[in-house]
Amino acid sequence: MNRDDLNARTMRFCVDVIKYLETVPKSNATMVIQRQLIRSSSSVAANYRAARRGRSPREYFAKLSIVVEEADESLFWLDLIKEAKLDTSNNLIRITQEATELLYIFSASRKTAKSRISLNHPISPNHQITK
């Protein structure tokens, strides 16, 4: 899967979440979860887009780290819907599977990105430390 495919996939994930949430029965609990899930799923797409435009390997890694966090948060909200039995449809299962796959993909990408840059020395060699 290339970067453009992954970009489209993250956007599709966000759109699928929004469409799915339109089918979930409305309650006080689901209103809060819906808001949080839309924020986290849209953040997956937006931050992956930003990562692709990173100006440096470190910036790419930082944005990709946000993508991983937001994909994991999306998975949390989907799991909460399941555990609270707010919905048990096949759509929930499908979207949860997609969130899991995206989390695995971006976790692996972040690991690769980390191996390509040295994160053990966050201060640049030209930076002077003063007492």
Protein backbone atom coordinates (compact mmCIF):
# COMPACT_ATOMS: atom_id res chain seq x y z
CA MET A 1 0.00 0.00 0.00
CA ASN A 2 1.48 3.32 -1.02
CA ARG A 3 1.21 6.67 0.76
CA ASP A 4 -1.66 7.91 -1.43
CA ASP A 5 -3.64 4.72 -0.76
CA LEU A 6 -3.06 5.13 2.96
CA ASN A 7 -4.06 8.77 2.81
CA ALA A 8 -7.33 7.79 1.10
CA ARG A 9 -7.85 4.96 3.59
CA THR A 10 -7.55 7.26 6.60
CA MET A 11 -10.04 9.68 5.03
CA ARG A 12 -12.41 6.81 4.26
CA PHE A 13 -12.08 5.62 7.88
CA CYS A 14 -13.12 9.04 9.14
CA VAL A 15 -16.08 9.22 6.74
CA ASP A 16 -17.13 5.67 7.65
CA VAL A 17 -17.05 6.58 11.35
CA ILE A 18 -19.25 9.63 10.75
CA LYS A 19 -21.74 7.60 8.70
CA TYR A 20 -21.72 4.78 11.24
CA LEU A 21 -22.41 7.16 14.12
CA GLU A 22 -25.50 8.43 12.32
CA THR A 23 -26.97 4.93 12.80
CA VAL A 24 -26.19 4.59 16.52
CA PRO A 25 -29.18 5.21 18.80
CA LYS A 26 -28.96 8.65 20.42
CA SER A 27 -28.52 8.99 24.19
CA ASN A 28 -26.49 11.18 26.54
CA ALA A 29 -23.72 8.58 26.58
CA THR A 30 -23.58 8.10 22.83
CA MET A 31 -23.54 11.86 22.21
CA VAL A 32 -20.32 12.18 24.23
CA ILE A 33 -18.77 9.11 22.62
CA GLN A 34 -19.77 10.29 19.15
CA ARG A 35 -18.07 13.63 19.61
CA GLN A 36 -14.88 12.01 20.90
CA LEU A 37 -14.83 9.35 18.20
CA ILE A 38 -15.31 11.88 15.41
CA ARG A 39 -12.46 13.96 16.83
CA SER A 40 -10.06 11.05 17.13
CA SER A 41 -10.90 9.46 13.77
CA SER A 42 -10.63 12.78 11.93
CA SER A 43 -7.33 13.40 13.70
CA VAL A 44 -5.99 10.13 12.27
CA ALA A 45 -6.66 11.42 8.76
CA ALA A 46 -5.55 15.01 9.38
CA ASN A 47 -2.31 14.11 11.15
CA TYR A 48 -1.36 11.47 8.60
CA ARG A 49 -1.82 14.11 5.94
CA ALA A 50 0.40 16.46 7.97
CA ALA A 51 2.99 13.72 8.49
CA ARG A 52 3.27 13.24 4.75
CA ARG A 53 4.17 16.90 4.45
CA GLY A 54 6.71 16.76 7.26
CA ARG A 55 9.74 18.96 6.75
CA SER A 56 12.11 16.56 8.44
CA PRO A 57 12.29 12.94 9.58
CA ARG A 58 11.73 14.09 13.16
CA GLU A 59 8.62 16.04 12.23
CA TYR A 60 7.32 13.03 10.30
CA PHE A 61 7.95 10.82 13.34
CA ALA A 62 6.20 13.29 15.67
CA LYS A 63 3.10 13.52 13.48
CA LEU A 64 3.05 9.77 12.99
CA SER A 65 3.14 9.37 16.77
CA ILE A 66 0.00 11.49 16.99
CA VAL A 67 -1.64 9.31 14.34
CA VAL A 68 -0.87 6.21 16.43
CA GLU A 69 -2.32 7.85 19.56
CA GLU A 70 -5.47 8.94 17.76
CA ALA A 71 -5.99 5.56 16.07
CA ASP A 72 -5.67 3.94 19.49
CA GLU A 73 -8.13 6.43 20.98
CA SER A 74 -10.59 5.72 18.15
CA LEU A 75 -10.28 2.04 18.96
CA PHE A 76 -10.95 2.82 22.64
CA TRP A 77 -14.24 4.60 21.84
CA LEU A 78 -15.33 1.79 19.52
CA ASP A 79 -14.51 -0.77 22.21
CA LEU A 80 -16.50 1.28 24.71
CA ILE A 81 -19.54 1.22 22.43
CA LYS A 82 -19.21 -2.56 22.26
CA GLU A 83 -18.60 -3.09 26.00
CA ALA A 84 -21.49 -0.81 27.00
CA LYS A 85 -23.66 -2.63 24.46
CA LEU A 86 -24.66 0.66 22.86
CA ASP A 87 -24.46 -1.08 19.49
CA THR A 88 -23.58 -4.58 18.32
CA SER A 89 -24.03 -4.21 14.56
CA ASN A 90 -21.79 -5.56 11.83
CA ASN A 91 -20.85 -1.94 11.08
CA LEU A 92 -19.30 -1.63 14.53
CA ILE A 93 -17.31 -4.81 13.95
CA ARG A 94 -16.13 -3.63 10.51
CA ILE A 95 -15.07 -0.18 11.70
CA THR A 96 -13.35 -1.63 14.77
CA GLN A 97 -11.40 -3.97 12.50
CA GLU A 98 -10.35 -1.04 10.30
CA ALA A 99 -9.26 0.98 13.35
CA THR A 100 -7.20 -1.99 14.54
CA GLU A 101 -5.56 -2.43 11.13
CA LEU A 102 -4.74 1.28 10.90
CA LEU A 103 -3.24 1.17 14.40
CA TYR A 104 -1.01 -1.76 13.40
CA ILE A 105 0.03 -0.10 10.13
CA PHE A 106 0.93 3.21 11.76
CA SER A 107 2.65 1.56 14.72
CA ALA A 108 4.87 -0.36 12.31
CA SER A 109 5.49 2.79 10.25
CA ARG A 110 6.46 4.71 13.37
CA LYS A 111 8.85 1.95 14.39
CA THR A 112 10.48 2.09 10.96
CA ALA A 113 10.67 5.90 11.08
CA LYS A 114 12.24 5.75 14.54
CA SER A 115 14.91 3.34 13.34
CA ARG A 116 15.81 5.79 10.56
CA ILE A 117 16.48 8.71 12.85
CA SER A 118 18.49 9.05 16.01
CA LEU A 119 16.12 9.97 18.81
CA ASN A 120 18.73 9.35 21.47
CA HIS A 121 20.27 12.79 20.92
CA PRO A 122 17.44 15.34 20.89
CA ILE A 123 19.83 18.31 21.16
CA SER A 124 21.47 19.21 17.89
CA PRO A 125 25.29 19.06 17.80
CA ASN A 126 25.43 22.84 17.24
CA HIS A 127 23.36 23.62 20.33
CA GLN A 128 25.37 25.14 23.19
CA ILE A 129 24.36 24.26 26.73
CA THR A 130 24.98 27.12 29.14
CA LYS A 131 25.09 26.96 32.92
